[in-house]
Protein backbone atom coordinates (compact mmCIF):
# COMPACT_ATOMS: atom_id res chain seq x y z
CA MET A 1 -18.05 31.91 2.14
CA ARG A 2 -14.88 30.11 3.15
CA VAL A 3 -15.06 26.43 4.08
CA ALA A 4 -11.81 26.48 6.01
CA GLY A 5 -9.98 29.37 7.54
CA GLY A 6 -6.30 30.13 7.78
CA GLY A 7 -5.89 28.07 10.92
CA SER A 8 -5.63 24.83 8.98
CA GLY A 9 -2.22 24.04 10.26
CA ALA A 10 -1.00 23.87 6.66
CA VAL A 11 2.62 24.66 6.05
CA THR A 12 2.72 26.54 2.79
CA GLY A 13 6.03 28.16 3.46
CA GLY A 14 6.26 31.87 2.88
CA SER A 15 2.56 32.28 2.28
CA VAL A 16 1.23 35.81 2.25
CA PRO A 17 -1.45 36.60 4.86
CA GLU A 18 -4.85 37.25 3.36
CA THR A 19 -4.74 40.83 4.54
CA GLY A 20 -1.69 41.30 2.33
CA ALA A 21 0.15 43.13 5.14
CA GLY A 22 3.69 42.44 6.18
CA PRO A 23 6.37 40.07 4.92
CA ALA A 24 5.71 36.42 4.40
CA PRO A 25 6.26 34.45 7.60
CA ASP A 26 8.79 31.70 7.86
CA PRO A 27 7.39 28.19 7.52
CA VAL A 28 6.93 26.27 10.75
CA PRO A 29 6.65 22.50 10.79
CA PRO A 30 3.14 21.44 11.84
CA ALA A 31 4.34 18.58 14.01
CA ARG A 32 7.25 16.28 14.52
CA PRO A 33 6.96 12.98 12.63
CA GLY A 34 6.47 10.89 15.77
CA ARG A 35 4.09 7.98 15.37
CA ALA A 36 1.31 7.82 12.85
CA PRO A 37 -2.22 8.08 14.32
CA LEU A 38 -3.89 4.79 15.21
CA PRO A 39 -6.37 4.79 12.28
CA TYR A 40 -3.52 5.24 9.79
CA LEU A 41 -1.45 2.55 11.49
CA VAL A 42 -4.37 0.11 11.46
CA LEU A 43 -5.23 0.69 7.79
CA SER A 44 -1.57 0.55 6.75
CA THR A 45 -0.97 -2.64 8.71
CA LEU A 46 -3.98 -4.31 7.12
CA ALA A 47 -2.79 -3.24 3.67
CA VAL A 48 0.70 -4.65 4.26
CA LEU A 49 -0.74 -7.92 5.62
CA PHE A 50 -2.88 -8.16 2.49
CA ALA A 51 0.29 -7.70 0.41
CA VAL A 52 1.88 -10.57 2.35
CA ALA A 53 -1.09 -12.76 1.43
CA LEU A 54 -0.69 -11.77 -2.22
CA VAL A 55 2.93 -12.94 -2.15
CA VAL A 56 1.66 -16.50 -1.76
CA ARG A 57 -0.49 -16.20 -4.90
CA GLN A 58 1.92 -14.09 -6.99
CA PRO A 59 -0.90 -12.58 -9.10
CA TRP A 60 1.31 -9.81 -10.45
CA GLY A 61 0.84 -7.98 -13.72
CA ALA A 62 2.41 -8.41 -17.11
CA ASP A 63 5.70 -6.69 -16.18
CA PHE A 64 6.47 -9.20 -13.43
CA GLY A 65 8.25 -11.62 -15.73
CA LEU A 66 10.65 -8.90 -16.88
CA HIS A 67 11.61 -7.93 -13.33
CA ALA A 68 12.15 -11.56 -12.36
CA ALA A 69 14.30 -12.10 -15.46
CA VAL A 70 16.42 -9.07 -14.58
CA VAL A 71 17.05 -10.44 -11.09
CA GLY A 72 17.93 -13.82 -12.58
CA ARG A 73 20.51 -12.34 -14.94
CA LEU A 74 22.12 -10.31 -12.16
CA ARG A 75 22.16 -13.32 -9.85
CA ASP A 76 24.01 -15.31 -12.52
CA ASP A 77 26.58 -12.56 -13.13
CA LEU A 78 26.61 -9.44 -10.96
CA TRP A 79 29.35 -7.74 -12.95
CA HIS A 80 28.55 -8.48 -16.59
CA PRO A 81 24.92 -9.61 -16.84
CA ALA A 82 23.51 -10.46 -20.26
CA ASP A 83 20.28 -9.00 -21.58
CA PRO A 84 17.34 -10.27 -19.48
CA MET A 85 14.97 -10.84 -22.41
CA VAL A 86 17.15 -12.26 -25.20
CA GLU A 87 20.42 -14.08 -25.60
CA ALA A 88 22.72 -11.11 -26.12
CA ALA A 89 25.63 -9.51 -24.30
CA SER A 90 24.08 -6.05 -24.07
CA PRO A 91 23.61 -3.39 -21.41
CA SER A 92 20.06 -3.01 -20.19
CA PRO A 93 18.20 -0.09 -18.61
CA TYR A 94 16.55 -2.58 -16.26
CA PHE A 95 19.79 -3.25 -14.31
CA THR A 96 19.10 -0.78 -11.50
CA PRO A 97 19.92 -0.80 -7.76
CA TYR A 98 16.59 -2.42 -6.89
CA PRO A 99 17.00 -5.70 -8.83
CA LEU A 100 20.69 -5.66 -7.95
CA LEU A 101 19.79 -5.82 -4.25
CA LEU A 102 17.22 -8.55 -4.92
CA ALA A 103 19.77 -10.50 -6.97
CA VAL A 104 22.22 -10.45 -4.06
CA ILE A 105 19.46 -11.76 -1.79
CA ALA A 106 18.64 -14.49 -4.31
CA LYS A 107 22.29 -15.45 -4.61
CA VAL A 108 22.78 -15.64 -0.84
CA THR A 109 19.51 -17.43 -0.03
CA GLY A 110 19.25 -19.67 -3.09
CA LEU A 111 15.68 -18.51 -3.68
CA GLY A 112 14.37 -18.15 -7.21
CA PRO A 113 14.12 -14.70 -8.81
CA ALA A 114 10.31 -14.80 -8.95
CA THR A 115 10.13 -15.61 -5.23
CA VAL A 116 12.51 -12.81 -4.25
CA VAL A 117 10.76 -10.21 -6.38
CA SER A 118 7.37 -11.24 -4.98
CA ALA A 119 8.63 -11.03 -1.41
CA ALA A 120 9.55 -7.38 -1.95
CA ALA A 121 5.87 -6.43 -2.44
CA PRO A 122 4.92 -5.79 1.23
CA VAL A 123 8.19 -3.93 1.82
CA ASN A 124 7.53 -1.63 -1.12
CA LEU A 125 3.98 -1.00 0.06
CA ALA A 126 5.12 -0.24 3.61
CA LEU A 127 7.64 2.29 2.29
CA LEU A 128 5.02 3.94 0.07
CA LEU A 129 2.55 4.24 2.96
CA TYR A 130 5.23 5.67 5.25
CA GLY A 131 6.22 8.18 2.58
CA LEU A 132 2.59 9.22 2.06
CA TRP A 133 2.09 9.84 5.77
CA ARG A 134 5.27 11.89 6.01
CA PHE A 135 4.39 13.91 2.90
CA VAL A 136 0.90 14.80 4.15
CA ARG A 137 2.44 15.87 7.46
CA VAL A 138 4.47 18.47 5.60
CA PHE A 139 1.23 20.39 5.07
CA THR A 140 -0.87 19.83 8.17
CA ALA A 141 -0.84 18.58 11.74
CA ASN A 142 -4.42 17.33 11.43
CA ARG A 143 -4.26 13.65 12.40
CA TRP A 144 -7.08 12.67 10.04
CA ALA A 145 -5.56 14.18 6.90
CA PRO A 146 -3.15 11.24 6.34
CA VAL A 147 -6.05 8.83 6.82
CA LEU A 148 -8.05 10.62 4.13
CA ALA A 149 -5.00 10.63 1.87
CA LEU A 150 -4.66 6.88 2.40
CA LEU A 151 -8.18 6.51 1.02
CA PHE A 152 -8.03 9.19 -1.68
CA VAL A 153 -4.76 8.16 -3.35
CA PRO A 154 -5.86 4.64 -4.36
CA LEU A 155 -9.59 5.36 -4.84
CA LEU A 156 -9.99 8.78 -6.47
CA TRP A 157 -9.29 7.91 -10.08
CA GLY A 158 -12.03 6.72 -12.43
CA PRO A 159 -13.73 3.57 -13.71
CA ALA A 160 -11.26 3.30 -16.63
CA VAL A 161 -8.21 3.75 -14.41
CA PRO A 162 -4.89 2.67 -16.02
CA GLN A 163 -3.14 -0.39 -14.61
CA TRP A 164 0.37 0.94 -15.12
CA GLY A 165 3.52 1.02 -13.03
CA GLY A 166 3.73 4.28 -11.08
CA PHE A 167 -0.09 4.69 -11.03
CA PRO A 168 -1.07 3.92 -7.40
CA ALA A 169 -4.76 3.32 -8.12
CA LEU A 170 -6.22 0.40 -6.19
CA ARG A 171 -6.98 -1.74 -9.23
CA GLY A 172 -3.44 -1.55 -10.57
CA LEU A 173 -1.59 -1.23 -7.27
CA VAL A 174 -2.55 -4.81 -6.39
CA LEU A 175 -0.66 -5.94 -9.51
CA ILE A 176 2.45 -3.72 -9.27
CA LEU A 177 3.45 -3.95 -5.61
CA PRO A 178 6.79 -5.72 -6.29
CA TYR A 179 7.66 -3.48 -9.25
CA PRO A 180 10.47 -0.88 -9.23
CA SER A 181 7.88 1.83 -9.90
CA THR A 182 6.20 1.18 -6.53
CA LEU A 183 9.49 1.46 -4.67
CA ALA A 184 10.36 4.59 -6.64
CA PHE A 185 7.01 6.18 -5.77
CA GLY A 186 7.70 5.75 -2.06
CA LEU A 187 11.23 7.11 -2.46
CA MET A 188 9.82 10.08 -4.38
CA LEU A 189 7.57 11.00 -1.47
CA LEU A 190 10.46 10.71 0.99
CA CYS A 191 12.63 12.82 -1.31
CA TRP A 192 10.01 15.56 -1.24
CA VAL A 193 9.81 15.32 2.54
CA ALA A 194 13.59 15.65 2.74
CA VAL A 195 13.56 18.71 0.46
CA ALA A 196 10.83 20.33 2.57
CA GLY A 197 12.89 19.63 5.70
CA ALA A 198 16.04 21.06 4.11
CA LEU A 199 14.18 24.24 3.14
CA ARG A 200 12.72 24.54 6.63
CA THR A 201 15.90 23.72 8.57
CA PRO A 202 18.84 24.25 6.24
CA SER A 203 21.80 21.87 6.52
CA TRP A 204 24.02 20.17 3.97
CA SER A 205 23.19 16.76 5.46
CA ARG A 206 19.47 17.21 4.77
CA TRP A 207 20.21 18.19 1.18
CA LEU A 208 22.50 15.17 0.88
CA VAL A 209 19.69 12.85 1.94
CA ALA A 210 17.30 14.52 -0.51
CA GLY A 211 19.87 14.20 -3.30
CA LEU A 212 20.62 10.55 -2.62
CA LEU A 213 16.92 9.70 -2.61
CA GLY A 214 16.45 11.58 -5.87
CA GLY A 215 19.44 9.82 -7.40
CA LEU A 216 18.02 6.43 -6.48
CA VAL A 217 14.73 7.33 -8.14
CA ILE A 218 16.59 8.39 -11.32
CA LEU A 219 18.13 4.94 -11.59
CA ILE A 220 15.21 2.83 -10.41
CA HIS A 221 12.42 4.36 -12.50
CA PRO A 222 13.16 7.25 -14.88
CA PHE A 223 9.49 8.16 -15.32
CA THR A 224 9.13 8.62 -11.57
CA ALA A 225 12.36 10.63 -11.64
CA VAL A 226 10.62 13.17 -13.88
CA ASN A 227 7.74 13.31 -11.40
CA THR A 228 10.17 13.72 -8.52
CA ALA A 229 11.83 16.67 -10.23
CA ILE A 230 8.44 18.35 -10.75
CA GLY A 231 7.69 17.98 -7.05
CA VAL A 232 11.04 19.42 -6.03
CA VAL A 233 10.47 22.45 -8.26
CA ALA A 234 7.00 22.91 -6.76
CA LEU A 235 8.41 22.88 -3.23
CA VAL A 236 11.24 25.25 -4.03
CA ALA A 237 9.53 27.69 -6.42
CA GLY A 238 8.95 31.11 -4.94
CA ARG A 239 11.05 30.32 -1.88
CA ALA A 240 14.17 32.24 -2.91
CA THR A 241 14.71 33.47 0.65
CA TRP A 242 14.71 29.88 1.82
CA LEU A 243 17.44 29.01 -0.65
CA VAL A 244 19.58 31.88 0.55
CA ARG A 245 19.34 30.55 4.10
CA ALA A 246 19.68 26.95 2.95
CA ARG A 247 23.45 27.28 2.62
CA PRO A 248 24.46 27.08 -1.05
CA LEU A 249 26.94 24.33 -0.22
CA GLY A 250 24.10 22.12 0.96
CA VAL A 251 22.11 22.69 -2.22
CA LEU A 252 25.16 21.86 -4.33
CA VAL A 253 25.80 18.70 -2.29
CA GLY A 254 22.21 17.60 -2.85
CA ALA A 255 22.36 18.30 -6.57
CA ALA A 256 25.64 16.42 -6.91
CA ALA A 257 24.24 13.42 -5.03
CA ALA A 258 21.21 13.34 -7.32
CA LEU A 259 23.23 13.65 -10.54
CA LEU A 260 25.96 11.21 -9.58
CA PRO A 261 24.09 8.14 -10.90
CA VAL A 262 23.61 9.82 -14.26
CA PHE A 263 27.34 9.58 -14.83
CA GLY A 264 28.52 6.93 -12.40
CA TRP A 265 26.18 3.93 -12.64
CA PRO A 266 28.21 1.09 -14.18
CA TYR A 267 25.45 -0.94 -15.86
CA PHE A 268 24.12 1.65 -18.32
CA ARG A 269 24.12 5.36 -19.11
CA VAL A 270 21.01 7.20 -17.98
CA THR A 271 21.50 9.73 -20.77
CA ALA A 272 21.17 6.94 -23.33
CA ILE A 273 17.73 6.09 -21.97
CA ALA A 274 16.62 9.73 -22.07
CA SER A 275 17.61 10.03 -25.71
CA SER A 276 15.36 7.10 -26.66
CA ALA A 277 12.27 8.30 -24.77
CA SER A 278 10.54 9.30 -27.99
CA ASP A 279 10.38 5.63 -28.98
CA LEU A 280 7.88 5.05 -26.14
CA ASN A 281 5.28 7.59 -27.25
CA ALA A 282 3.09 5.16 -29.17
CA ILE A 283 2.45 2.78 -26.27
CA HIS A 284 1.59 5.72 -23.97
CA GLU A 285 -1.08 7.28 -26.17
CA THR A 286 -3.71 5.30 -24.29
CA LEU A 287 -3.05 7.42 -21.19
CA TYR A 288 -4.70 10.35 -22.96
CA LEU A 289 -7.87 8.50 -23.94
CA ASP A 290 -11.07 8.88 -21.88
CA VAL A 291 -9.52 11.39 -19.47
CA ALA A 292 -12.70 11.78 -17.41
CA GLY A 293 -13.14 8.03 -17.12
CA ARG A 294 -9.55 7.53 -16.05
CA TYR A 295 -8.96 10.47 -13.71
CA GLY A 296 -12.29 12.25 -13.13
CA LEU A 297 -12.90 11.49 -9.43
CA ALA A 298 -9.66 13.17 -8.33
CA PHE A 299 -10.66 16.39 -10.09
CA LEU A 300 -14.19 16.25 -8.67
CA VAL A 301 -12.98 16.14 -5.06
CA GLY A 302 -9.60 17.88 -5.39
CA VAL A 303 -10.29 21.05 -7.38
CA PRO A 304 -12.15 22.80 -4.50
CA ALA A 305 -9.15 22.13 -2.27
CA LEU A 306 -6.79 23.68 -4.80
CA VAL A 307 -9.01 26.74 -5.02
CA LEU A 308 -8.88 27.19 -1.25
CA ARG A 309 -5.11 26.81 -1.16
CA LEU A 310 -4.65 29.14 -4.13
CA ARG A 311 -6.66 31.86 -2.35
CA ARG A 312 -4.31 31.64 0.60
CA ASP A 313 -1.06 31.37 -1.33
CA ARG A 314 -0.45 31.74 -5.06
CA LEU A 315 2.79 29.78 -4.63
CA ASP A 316 1.33 26.97 -2.57
CA PRO A 317 3.41 23.81 -3.23
CA LEU A 318 0.41 21.56 -3.92
CA VAL A 319 -1.07 24.12 -6.30
CA LEU A 320 2.28 24.38 -8.07
CA LEU A 321 2.60 20.58 -8.14
CA CYS A 322 -0.73 20.30 -9.96
CA GLY A 323 0.00 23.27 -12.21
CA LEU A 324 3.45 22.11 -13.29
CA SER A 325 2.46 18.48 -13.78
CA GLY A 326 -0.70 19.56 -15.60
CA ALA A 327 1.40 21.69 -17.97
CA VAL A 328 3.67 18.70 -18.71
CA VAL A 329 0.68 16.43 -19.36
CA LEU A 330 -0.87 19.05 -21.64
CA ALA A 331 2.40 19.45 -23.52
CA GLY A 332 2.47 15.71 -24.13
CA TRP A 333 -1.03 15.82 -25.58
CA LEU A 334 -0.36 18.85 -27.80
CA THR A 335 2.98 17.61 -29.15
CA GLY A 336 2.28 13.89 -29.39
CA ALA A 337 4.99 13.16 -26.81
CA TYR A 338 2.60 10.76 -25.11
CA ALA A 339 5.28 9.33 -22.82
CA LEU A 340 4.73 12.51 -20.78
CA GLY A 341 1.43 10.93 -19.78
CA ARG A 342 3.41 9.14 -17.07
CA VAL A 343 3.17 12.46 -15.19
CA TRP A 344 -0.57 11.94 -14.63
CA PRO A 345 -0.01 10.26 -11.21
CA VAL A 346 1.67 13.37 -9.80
CA LEU A 347 -1.12 15.65 -11.01
CA LEU A 348 -3.64 13.38 -9.33
CA LEU A 349 -1.51 13.04 -6.21
CA GLY A 350 -1.52 16.82 -5.80
CA LEU A 351 -5.30 16.86 -6.08
CA GLN A 352 -5.72 13.91 -3.70
CA VAL A 353 -3.39 15.22 -1.00
CA ALA A 354 -4.80 18.76 -1.24
CA ALA A 355 -8.30 17.31 -0.85
CA ALA A 356 -7.23 15.27 2.18
CA VAL A 357 -5.59 18.23 3.89
CA GLU A 358 -8.33 20.76 3.20
CA LEU A 359 -11.28 18.46 3.80
CA ALA A 360 -9.87 17.25 7.13
CA THR A 361 -9.36 20.88 8.16
CA ALA A 362 -12.80 21.96 6.95
CA VAL A 363 -14.57 19.19 8.84
CA ALA A 364 -12.54 19.84 12.00
CA THR A 365 -13.30 23.56 11.78
CA ALA A 366 -17.02 23.14 11.09
CA PHE A 367 -17.92 20.20 13.30
CA GLY A 368 -15.00 19.54 15.64
CA ARG A 369 -14.70 20.44 19.27
CA ARG A 370 -11.99 22.92 18.36
CA SER A 371 -13.09 26.11 16.71
CA VAL A 372 -9.95 26.14 14.60
CA ALA A 373 -7.83 23.08 13.85
CA GLY A 374 -4.70 23.11 15.94
CA GLN A 375 -6.11 25.40 18.70
CA PRO A 376 -7.11 24.09 22.11
CA PRO A 377 -10.81 23.68 22.97
CA GLY A 378 -12.58 26.77 24.18
CA GLY A 379 -10.83 29.10 21.77
CA ALA A 380 -7.82 29.76 24.01
CA GLN A 381 -5.05 31.44 22.09
CA GLU A 382 -1.40 32.15 22.54
CA VAL A 383 -0.35 35.77 22.84
CA GLY A 384 0.14 37.46 19.52
CA THR A 385 -1.92 35.08 17.42
CA GLY A 386 -4.54 37.72 16.60
CA PRO A 387 -8.24 37.92 17.36
CA ALA A 388 -10.20 34.79 18.11
CA PRO A 389 -11.72 33.26 14.99
CA ARG A 390 -15.43 33.50 14.47
CA ARG A 391 -17.55 30.46 15.18
CA PRO A 392 -18.39 28.60 11.99
CA GLY A 393 -21.83 29.42 10.65
CA ASN A 394 -24.45 27.10 9.21
CA GLY A 395 -23.29 27.90 5.69
CA THR A 396 -19.76 26.77 6.48
CA ARG A 397 -21.06 23.56 8.02
CA LEU A 398 -23.28 22.94 5.01
CA LEU A 399 -20.43 23.38 2.53
CA ALA A 400 -18.10 21.19 4.58
CA GLY A 401 -20.79 18.53 4.89
CA LEU A 402 -21.54 18.57 1.17
CA TRP A 403 -17.86 18.31 0.33
CA ALA A 404 -17.43 15.40 2.74
CA ALA A 405 -20.49 13.70 1.23
CA VAL A 406 -19.17 14.11 -2.32
CA ALA A 407 -15.78 12.72 -1.24
CA THR A 408 -17.48 9.74 0.45
CA VAL A 409 -19.56 8.93 -2.63
CA ALA A 410 -16.49 9.33 -4.85
CA CYS A 411 -14.46 6.93 -2.69
CA LEU A 412 -17.28 4.38 -2.72
CA ALA A 413 -17.54 4.71 -6.50
CA GLY A 414 -13.78 4.29 -6.80
CA PHE A 415 -13.85 1.17 -4.67
CA ALA A 416 -16.84 -0.27 -6.55
CA THR A 417 -15.03 0.03 -9.88
CA GLN A 418 -11.60 -1.08 -8.66
CA TYR A 419 -12.08 -3.76 -6.01
CA GLY A 420 -11.95 -6.69 -8.43
CA ASN A 421 -8.23 -7.37 -8.24
CA LEU A 422 -8.45 -7.68 -4.46
CA LEU A 423 -10.00 -11.09 -5.19
CA LEU A 424 -6.63 -12.24 -6.53
CA VAL A 425 -5.77 -13.15 -2.96
CA LEU A 426 -8.13 -16.14 -3.37
CA PRO A 427 -6.90 -19.53 -4.61
CA ALA A 428 -6.84 -19.81 -8.38
CA ASP A 429 -9.51 -22.52 -8.42
CA GLN A 430 -11.97 -20.06 -6.88
CA LEU A 431 -11.46 -17.53 -9.66
CA SER A 432 -13.28 -19.04 -12.60
CA ALA A 433 -13.50 -17.12 -15.86
CA PRO A 434 -17.13 -16.04 -15.21
CA ARG A 435 -16.25 -14.81 -11.72
CA ARG A 436 -13.25 -12.87 -13.06
CA ALA A 437 -15.44 -11.24 -15.68
CA ALA A 438 -18.22 -10.43 -13.19
CA HIS A 439 -15.86 -8.68 -10.79
CA GLY A 440 -13.43 -7.16 -13.28
CA VAL A 441 -10.46 -9.27 -12.17
CA THR A 442 -7.43 -8.85 -14.41
CA SER A 443 -6.26 -12.02 -16.14
CA ARG A 444 -2.86 -12.94 -17.49
CA PRO A 445 -1.57 -16.07 -19.25
CA ASP A 446 -0.93 -19.02 -16.93
CA LEU A 447 2.10 -20.66 -18.51
CA GLY A 448 3.36 -22.58 -15.51
CA TRP A 449 3.15 -25.76 -17.57
CA VAL A 450 5.66 -24.24 -19.99
CA GLY A 451 7.95 -23.21 -17.15
CA ARG A 452 7.93 -26.77 -15.83
CA ALA A 453 8.82 -28.24 -19.22
CA VAL A 454 11.47 -25.75 -20.31
CA GLU A 455 14.78 -25.30 -18.54
CA PRO A 456 15.79 -21.76 -17.43
CA GLY A 457 17.92 -19.99 -20.01
CA ALA A 458 16.29 -21.67 -23.00
CA VAL A 459 15.18 -19.64 -26.02
CA VAL A 460 11.50 -20.03 -26.92
CA LEU A 461 10.11 -18.75 -30.19
CA THR A 462 6.56 -17.38 -30.25
CA GLY A 463 4.73 -14.60 -32.02
CA ASN A 464 2.42 -14.14 -29.02
CA VAL A 465 3.72 -11.09 -27.12
CA PRO A 466 1.77 -11.65 -23.84
CA ALA A 467 3.11 -15.20 -23.74
CA GLY A 468 6.66 -13.98 -24.33
CA ARG A 469 6.29 -11.55 -21.43
CA ALA A 470 4.88 -14.20 -19.09
CA LEU A 471 7.66 -16.69 -19.94
CA LEU A 472 10.29 -14.23 -18.70
CA ALA A 473 9.24 -15.08 -15.14
CA TYR A 474 10.70 -18.57 -15.71
CA GLU A 475 13.99 -17.12 -17.02
CA ILE A 476 13.03 -18.12 -20.56
CA ARG A 477 14.44 -15.93 -23.36
CA SER A 478 12.83 -14.80 -26.58
CA VAL A 479 14.08 -14.16 -30.10
CA ALA A 480 12.89 -10.53 -29.93
CA PRO A 481 12.37 -8.67 -26.64
CA PRO A 482 8.69 -8.66 -25.66
CA TRP A 483 9.24 -5.31 -23.92
CA PRO A 484 11.01 -2.25 -25.37
CA ASP A 485 14.77 -2.29 -24.76
CA PRO A 486 16.30 1.02 -25.90
CA LEU A 487 19.87 -0.21 -25.36
CA LEU A 488 19.57 -3.37 -27.47
CA ASP A 489 21.19 -2.40 -30.77
CA ASP A 490 19.51 -5.04 -32.96
CA GLU A 491 16.01 -4.84 -31.46
CA GLU A 492 14.31 -3.89 -34.74
CA ARG A 493 16.10 -6.61 -36.68
CA ARG A 494 15.13 -9.19 -34.07
CA ARG A 495 11.47 -8.18 -34.29
CA ALA A 496 11.50 -8.41 -38.07
CA GLU A 497 13.19 -11.80 -38.06
CA GLN A 498 10.90 -13.14 -35.35
CA ALA A 499 7.93 -12.19 -37.53
CA GLU A 500 9.68 -13.95 -40.40
CA LEU A 501 10.16 -17.08 -38.31
CA VAL A 502 6.48 -17.45 -37.41
CA ASN A 503 5.22 -16.53 -40.87
CA PRO A 504 3.92 -19.74 -42.52
CA GLY A 505 5.08 -18.46 -45.91
CA THR A 506 8.77 -18.23 -44.97
CA PRO A 507 10.94 -20.64 -47.02
CA GLU A 508 12.10 -23.58 -44.96
CA PRO A 509 15.86 -23.04 -45.53
CA ARG A 510 15.53 -19.45 -44.33
CA ARG A 511 13.50 -20.50 -41.28
CA ARG A 512 16.05 -23.18 -40.41
CA GLU A 513 18.84 -20.63 -40.77
CA LEU A 514 17.14 -18.25 -38.34
CA LEU A 515 16.31 -21.01 -35.84
CA VAL A 516 19.99 -21.92 -35.72
CA ALA A 517 21.17 -18.30 -35.63
CA TYR A 518 19.06 -17.47 -32.60
CA GLY A 519 19.63 -20.81 -30.87
CA VAL A 520 15.90 -21.54 -30.60
CA ASP A 521 15.29 -24.49 -28.25
CA TRP A 522 11.47 -24.57 -28.20
CA ILE A 523 8.53 -23.19 -30.16
CA PHE A 524 5.42 -22.05 -28.27
CA ASP A 525 2.29 -22.39 -30.41
CA PRO A 526 -0.46 -20.43 -28.57
CA ASP A 527 -3.48 -21.83 -30.43
CA GLY A 528 -2.37 -24.68 -32.65
CA SER A 529 -1.94 -22.47 -35.72
CA TYR A 530 1.81 -23.10 -36.17
CA GLY A 531 1.41 -26.10 -38.46
CA TRP A 532 4.81 -25.34 -39.99
CA ALA A 533 6.45 -26.06 -36.62
CA ASP A 534 5.70 -29.80 -36.79
CA GLY A 535 8.55 -30.36 -39.19
CA TYR A 536 11.07 -29.09 -36.65
CA ALA A 537 9.78 -30.83 -33.53
CA SER A 538 11.30 -33.77 -31.72
CA VAL A 539 8.97 -33.51 -28.69
CA VAL A 540 5.48 -32.01 -28.47
CA VAL A 541 3.89 -31.00 -25.13
CA GLU A 542 0.15 -30.33 -25.26
CA GLY A 543 -1.17 -27.38 -23.30
CA PRO A 544 -4.62 -25.95 -22.47
CA GLY A 545 -6.81 -24.37 -25.12
CA GLY A 546 -5.07 -26.01 -28.04
CA SER A 547 -1.68 -24.51 -27.19
CA ARG A 548 1.44 -26.56 -27.81
CA LEU A 549 5.11 -26.55 -26.91
CA LEU A 550 7.45 -28.08 -29.45
CA LYS A 551 11.08 -28.92 -28.77
CA VAL A 552 13.20 -28.01 -31.79
CA GLU A 553 15.15 -30.91 -33.26
CA GLN A 554 18.87 -30.24 -33.27
CA PRO A 555 20.17 -29.34 -36.76
CA ARG A 556 21.95 -32.13 -38.62
């Protein structure tokens, strides 16, 4: 028994009627973009206002310091910025259009890099929410489908959800709003919308917009660029007749616009980053652990929707999106190329959006005033639309109700396991360690006292990687980069010599030689275990928990 009939309003583009008779119809847009429905506008507005409140607290995740440091380097020198993490004249893959724009704003306004990056959080969220609404509207005119998608995308994950850039789960999204990955995710959705529009109404200008959006994503966040490409293939696959009518010139213009940054961006070569992707496999292995705990809720609610769409159209874009992304994720697991785990968000997005579209249609069909979504009340039909659909039976209503109940319980479970970081909007003095632990609030080192003591641009030696990452927010450099930097030629040597510097068994002449070579200004002792550092200190600043900051005495 079908839960939802063919009158879902979904635009699958070239789908074959279930009778199998006749050629595939041309796709018809379900509705003009217009204004978002009131429930979506209200929820989106509240979410953006919450992001504004977070800007005051700046409770961002571990990557925040890196992004602030990148903006600081570009602000200091827009044309030849030095490496954001260490003192070296080196290209960096982090010099993308996003921090470049923020650096210009910082330079013009005089605001600090951390402030400017934080202020971008509500803008990024607004763009992501707009892109999500537009993307859902590609598949249905049902006004409640975007609202369901707005709930499903952040909530349908799992209790062990990753807190990574590009993963728009609620728990992590609170921490990554100002990150390039959040902006890239919104641009990815708009790129897909532009591709769908270009396939539906061919013109070279539409393809140009799609290409430019794709090109921006390539530069801003390469992992999201891979996801964007998968989505484009899913939209285009099986639509050869569309491409014939899409004017080949337009397709070429779009492709050229997307590939232009690969060869034309002046700060680094995108191809150089791609060639070093294998170096990131080790840190991504965690994305393949506890798959059910990380991603299970999306499969629970989304698989029935994919089955319904697959029955209607074997080349349905959302089915293809899940199939292609799932194949990439599986390939990463089988080959050990764990960096491909960054494709998980697109697989889940396909499930979440399919569930939103199909569930909204099923509920409207089974319980709504309209017998079929998109038709006027009373069953009135336009000429040529075929026989009137049958009234939904009790079985259809039961299945739709059960599905809606499962989705509701899944969303509540998702919220119950992810809400903790929403408390980061509270003042810091109201988030004691016991309260953080009780509610699952993510913690990160609070090194503001170090930032107040150390001048921007100084080099601080520490073997504590989380501390090195946090200090980047204050424009403080390290001996070795605390984040991977595939374009830094001497990264491995720096890591080895940093380990040598903090090793208590290193001979003093060798340690002094390295301190001078790297221009170390301060030593950060995270727990008072760097007894060797006392012999090099001219000033000692005591910190919480036995931590210390030691100013290195100038060599004689």
